[in-house]
Amino acid sequence: MDGLEDVSKYPYLFEELIKRQWTTEDLIKLAGGNLLRVFREVEAVRRERERERERERIARFNDCDDSRKLTKVWIILSYKHLK
């Protein structure tokens, strides 16, 4: 949409909506709904990156020889026990 290239233009959007008699309640819903959508997207990206890191750890673990695997398992279990 022309004039709304990025979030820096939001004040202009809200100014126009106020001119069009939008209620404060509706403006809050619009702003809050957008914020919640952004947070959901950020959380989805975080979860996907976490899954990618876990897949990478598993791949590195599977590339190790058996003695190194046992050492890594022991370190992981020891660390979890200390928490």
N, C-alpha and C. Protein backbone atom coordinates (compact mmCIF):
# COMPACT_ATOMS: atom_id res chain seq x y z
N MET A 1 0.85 -1.17 0.00
CA MET A 1 0.00 0.00 0.00
C MET A 1 0.90 1.24 0.00
N ASP A 2 0.60 2.14 -0.85
CA ASP A 2 1.39 3.36 -0.97
C ASP A 2 1.30 4.18 0.32
N GLY A 3 2.44 4.54 0.87
CA GLY A 3 2.46 5.32 2.10
C GLY A 3 2.63 4.49 3.35
N LEU A 4 2.51 3.17 3.23
CA LEU A 4 2.68 2.27 4.39
C LEU A 4 3.78 1.24 4.09
N GLU A 5 4.91 1.73 3.67
CA GLU A 5 6.00 0.85 3.25
C GLU A 5 6.56 0.02 4.40
N ASP A 6 6.56 0.60 5.61
CA ASP A 6 7.08 -0.11 6.78
C ASP A 6 6.45 0.46 8.04
N VAL A 7 6.84 -0.08 9.18
CA VAL A 7 6.20 0.31 10.45
C VAL A 7 6.46 1.75 10.85
N SER A 8 7.46 2.38 10.26
CA SER A 8 7.70 3.79 10.59
C SER A 8 6.55 4.68 10.14
N LYS A 9 5.69 4.17 9.28
CA LYS A 9 4.55 4.94 8.76
C LYS A 9 3.29 4.73 9.59
N TYR A 10 3.34 3.88 10.62
CA TYR A 10 2.15 3.60 11.43
C TYR A 10 1.52 4.86 12.03
N PRO A 11 2.31 5.81 12.50
CA PRO A 11 1.65 7.01 13.05
C PRO A 11 0.74 7.70 12.03
N TYR A 12 1.13 7.69 10.78
CA TYR A 12 0.29 8.29 9.74
C TYR A 12 -1.00 7.49 9.54
N LEU A 13 -0.87 6.18 9.62
CA LEU A 13 -2.06 5.33 9.52
C LEU A 13 -3.03 5.65 10.64
N PHE A 14 -2.53 5.70 11.87
CA PHE A 14 -3.40 5.96 13.01
C PHE A 14 -3.98 7.38 12.95
N GLU A 15 -3.20 8.32 12.48
CA GLU A 15 -3.71 9.68 12.31
C GLU A 15 -4.90 9.69 11.35
N GLU A 16 -4.78 8.96 10.26
CA GLU A 16 -5.87 8.89 9.28
C GLU A 16 -7.08 8.18 9.86
N LEU A 17 -6.86 7.12 10.62
CA LEU A 17 -7.98 6.39 11.22
C LEU A 17 -8.71 7.25 12.24
N ILE A 18 -7.96 8.06 12.98
CA ILE A 18 -8.59 8.98 13.94
C ILE A 18 -9.46 9.99 13.19
N LYS A 19 -8.96 10.49 12.08
CA LYS A 19 -9.75 11.42 11.26
C LYS A 19 -11.04 10.77 10.77
N ARG A 20 -10.99 9.45 10.58
CA ARG A 20 -12.17 8.72 10.09
C ARG A 20 -13.05 8.22 11.23
N GLN A 21 -12.84 8.77 12.40
CA GLN A 21 -13.69 8.51 13.57
C GLN A 21 -13.54 7.10 14.17
N TRP A 22 -12.39 6.49 14.00
CA TRP A 22 -12.18 5.21 14.67
C TRP A 22 -12.17 5.47 16.17
N THR A 23 -12.74 4.54 16.92
CA THR A 23 -12.74 4.69 18.38
C THR A 23 -11.38 4.31 18.94
N THR A 24 -11.11 4.80 20.13
CA THR A 24 -9.86 4.46 20.82
C THR A 24 -9.78 2.94 21.01
N GLU A 25 -10.90 2.34 21.36
CA GLU A 25 -10.95 0.89 21.56
C GLU A 25 -10.54 0.15 20.28
N ASP A 26 -11.07 0.58 19.14
CA ASP A 26 -10.72 -0.07 17.87
C ASP A 26 -9.25 0.15 17.50
N LEU A 27 -8.73 1.34 17.80
CA LEU A 27 -7.32 1.61 17.52
C LEU A 27 -6.41 0.74 18.39
N ILE A 28 -6.81 0.56 19.64
CA ILE A 28 -6.04 -0.31 20.54
C ILE A 28 -6.06 -1.74 20.03
N LYS A 29 -7.24 -2.19 19.59
CA LYS A 29 -7.34 -3.55 19.04
C LYS A 29 -6.43 -3.73 17.83
N LEU A 30 -6.44 -2.72 16.95
CA LEU A 30 -5.60 -2.78 15.76
C LEU A 30 -4.12 -2.86 16.14
N ALA A 31 -3.71 -1.99 17.02
CA ALA A 31 -2.29 -1.96 17.43
C ALA A 31 -1.92 -3.23 18.18
N GLY A 32 -2.76 -3.65 19.11
CA GLY A 32 -2.48 -4.85 19.89
C GLY A 32 -2.52 -6.11 19.06
N GLY A 33 -3.47 -6.18 18.15
CA GLY A 33 -3.57 -7.36 17.29
C GLY A 33 -2.34 -7.52 16.42
N ASN A 34 -1.84 -6.42 15.92
CA ASN A 34 -0.62 -6.47 15.10
C ASN A 34 0.57 -6.90 15.94
N LEU A 35 0.66 -6.37 17.14
CA LEU A 35 1.77 -6.71 18.02
C LEU A 35 1.72 -8.20 18.37
N LEU A 36 0.54 -8.71 18.66
CA LEU A 36 0.42 -10.13 18.98
C LEU A 36 0.81 -11.00 17.78
N ARG A 37 0.43 -10.57 16.58
CA ARG A 37 0.81 -11.32 15.38
C ARG A 37 2.31 -11.35 15.23
N VAL A 38 2.96 -10.22 15.45
CA VAL A 38 4.42 -10.15 15.34
C VAL A 38 5.06 -11.07 16.37
N PHE A 39 4.57 -11.03 17.61
CA PHE A 39 5.12 -11.90 18.65
C PHE A 39 4.96 -13.37 18.29
N ARG A 40 3.81 -13.74 17.72
CA ARG A 40 3.61 -15.14 17.32
C ARG A 40 4.61 -15.54 16.25
N GLU A 41 4.85 -14.64 15.29
CA GLU A 41 5.82 -14.94 14.24
C GLU A 41 7.24 -15.05 14.79
N VAL A 42 7.59 -14.17 15.70
CA VAL A 42 8.92 -14.22 16.33
C VAL A 42 9.08 -15.53 17.09
N GLU A 43 8.07 -15.92 17.82
CA GLU A 43 8.13 -17.18 18.59
C GLU A 43 8.24 -18.38 17.65
N ALA A 44 7.55 -18.35 16.52
CA ALA A 44 7.64 -19.45 15.55
C ALA A 44 9.05 -19.55 14.98
N VAL A 45 9.68 -18.42 14.70
CA VAL A 45 11.05 -18.42 14.19
C VAL A 45 12.00 -18.96 15.26
N ARG A 46 11.79 -18.54 16.51
CA ARG A 46 12.64 -19.03 17.61
C ARG A 46 12.55 -20.55 17.74
N ARG A 47 11.32 -21.07 17.68
CA ARG A 47 11.15 -22.53 17.79
C ARG A 47 11.82 -23.26 16.64
N GLU A 48 11.69 -22.72 15.42
CA GLU A 48 12.30 -23.36 14.25
C GLU A 48 13.82 -23.35 14.36
N ARG A 49 14.39 -22.24 14.80
CA ARG A 49 15.85 -22.19 14.97
C ARG A 49 16.32 -23.14 16.06
N GLU A 50 15.53 -23.28 17.10
CA GLU A 50 15.86 -24.23 18.16
C GLU A 50 15.86 -25.66 17.60
N ARG A 51 14.87 -25.98 16.78
CA ARG A 51 14.82 -27.32 16.16
C ARG A 51 16.01 -27.53 15.23
N GLU A 52 16.39 -26.48 14.48
CA GLU A 52 17.55 -26.59 13.60
C GLU A 52 18.83 -26.85 14.40
N ARG A 53 19.00 -26.12 15.51
CA ARG A 53 20.19 -26.33 16.35
C ARG A 53 20.21 -27.75 16.91
N GLU A 54 19.04 -28.27 17.30
CA GLU A 54 18.97 -29.63 17.83
C GLU A 54 19.32 -30.65 16.74
N ARG A 55 18.82 -30.43 15.51
CA ARG A 55 19.17 -31.33 14.41
C ARG A 55 20.67 -31.30 14.13
N GLU A 56 21.27 -30.10 14.21
CA GLU A 56 22.72 -29.99 14.00
C GLU A 56 23.49 -30.71 15.09
N ARG A 57 23.04 -30.58 16.36
CA ARG A 57 23.71 -31.29 17.46
C ARG A 57 23.62 -32.80 17.26
N ILE A 58 22.46 -33.27 16.85
CA ILE A 58 22.28 -34.71 16.63
C ILE A 58 23.18 -35.18 15.49
N ALA A 59 23.25 -34.39 14.42
CA ALA A 59 24.10 -34.77 13.29
C ALA A 59 25.57 -34.83 13.71
N ARG A 60 26.03 -33.83 14.49
CA ARG A 60 27.42 -33.86 14.97
C ARG A 60 27.65 -35.04 15.88
N PHE A 61 26.67 -35.33 16.74
CA PHE A 61 26.79 -36.47 17.65
C PHE A 61 26.89 -37.77 16.86
N ASN A 62 26.06 -37.92 15.84
CA ASN A 62 26.06 -39.14 15.03
C ASN A 62 27.35 -39.30 14.23
N ASP A 63 28.04 -38.20 13.97
CA ASP A 63 29.32 -38.27 13.25
C ASP A 63 30.48 -38.69 14.14
N CYS A 64 30.28 -38.68 15.46
CA CYS A 64 31.35 -39.05 16.39
C CYS A 64 31.55 -40.56 16.43
N ASP A 65 32.76 -40.96 16.83
CA ASP A 65 32.96 -42.39 17.06
C ASP A 65 32.33 -42.75 18.41
N ASP A 66 32.21 -44.06 18.69
CA ASP A 66 31.48 -44.52 19.87
C ASP A 66 32.06 -44.02 21.18
N SER A 67 33.38 -43.95 21.31
CA SER A 67 33.97 -43.51 22.58
C SER A 67 33.65 -42.04 22.84
N ARG A 68 33.65 -41.22 21.79
CA ARG A 68 33.30 -39.81 21.97
C ARG A 68 31.82 -39.66 22.29
N LYS A 69 30.98 -40.54 21.74
CA LYS A 69 29.55 -40.48 22.04
C LYS A 69 29.32 -40.75 23.52
N LEU A 70 30.01 -41.75 24.06
CA LEU A 70 29.85 -42.08 25.48
C LEU A 70 30.29 -40.90 26.35
N THR A 71 31.38 -40.26 25.97
CA THR A 71 31.86 -39.11 26.73
C THR A 71 30.84 -37.98 26.69
N LYS A 72 30.28 -37.72 25.53
CA LYS A 72 29.29 -36.66 25.40
C LYS A 72 28.03 -36.98 26.22
N VAL A 73 27.58 -38.22 26.17
CA VAL A 73 26.40 -38.61 26.94
C VAL A 73 26.67 -38.42 28.42
N TRP A 74 27.86 -38.83 28.88
CA TRP A 74 28.21 -38.68 30.29
C TRP A 74 28.20 -37.20 30.69
N ILE A 75 28.76 -36.34 29.86
CA ILE A 75 28.80 -34.90 30.15
C ILE A 75 27.40 -34.34 30.22
N ILE A 76 26.54 -34.71 29.27
CA ILE A 76 25.17 -34.21 29.25
C ILE A 76 24.42 -34.67 30.51
N LEU A 77 24.54 -35.95 30.83
CA LEU A 77 23.84 -36.45 32.02
C LEU A 77 24.37 -35.82 33.29
N SER A 78 25.66 -35.61 33.38
CA SER A 78 26.26 -34.97 34.57
C SER A 78 25.76 -33.55 34.71
N TYR A 79 25.69 -32.84 33.59
CA TYR A 79 25.23 -31.46 33.62
C TYR A 79 23.78 -31.38 34.07
N LYS A 80 22.95 -32.25 33.54
CA LYS A 80 21.53 -32.25 33.91
C LYS A 80 21.35 -32.57 35.40
N HIS A 81 22.22 -33.44 35.91
CA HIS A 81 22.14 -33.82 37.32
C HIS A 81 22.49 -32.63 38.23
N LEU A 82 23.39 -31.77 37.77
CA LEU A 82 23.83 -30.62 38.57
C LEU A 82 22.80 -29.51 38.63
N LYS A 83 21.88 -29.46 37.69
CA LYS A 83 20.87 -28.38 37.66
C LYS A 83 19.96 -28.42 38.84
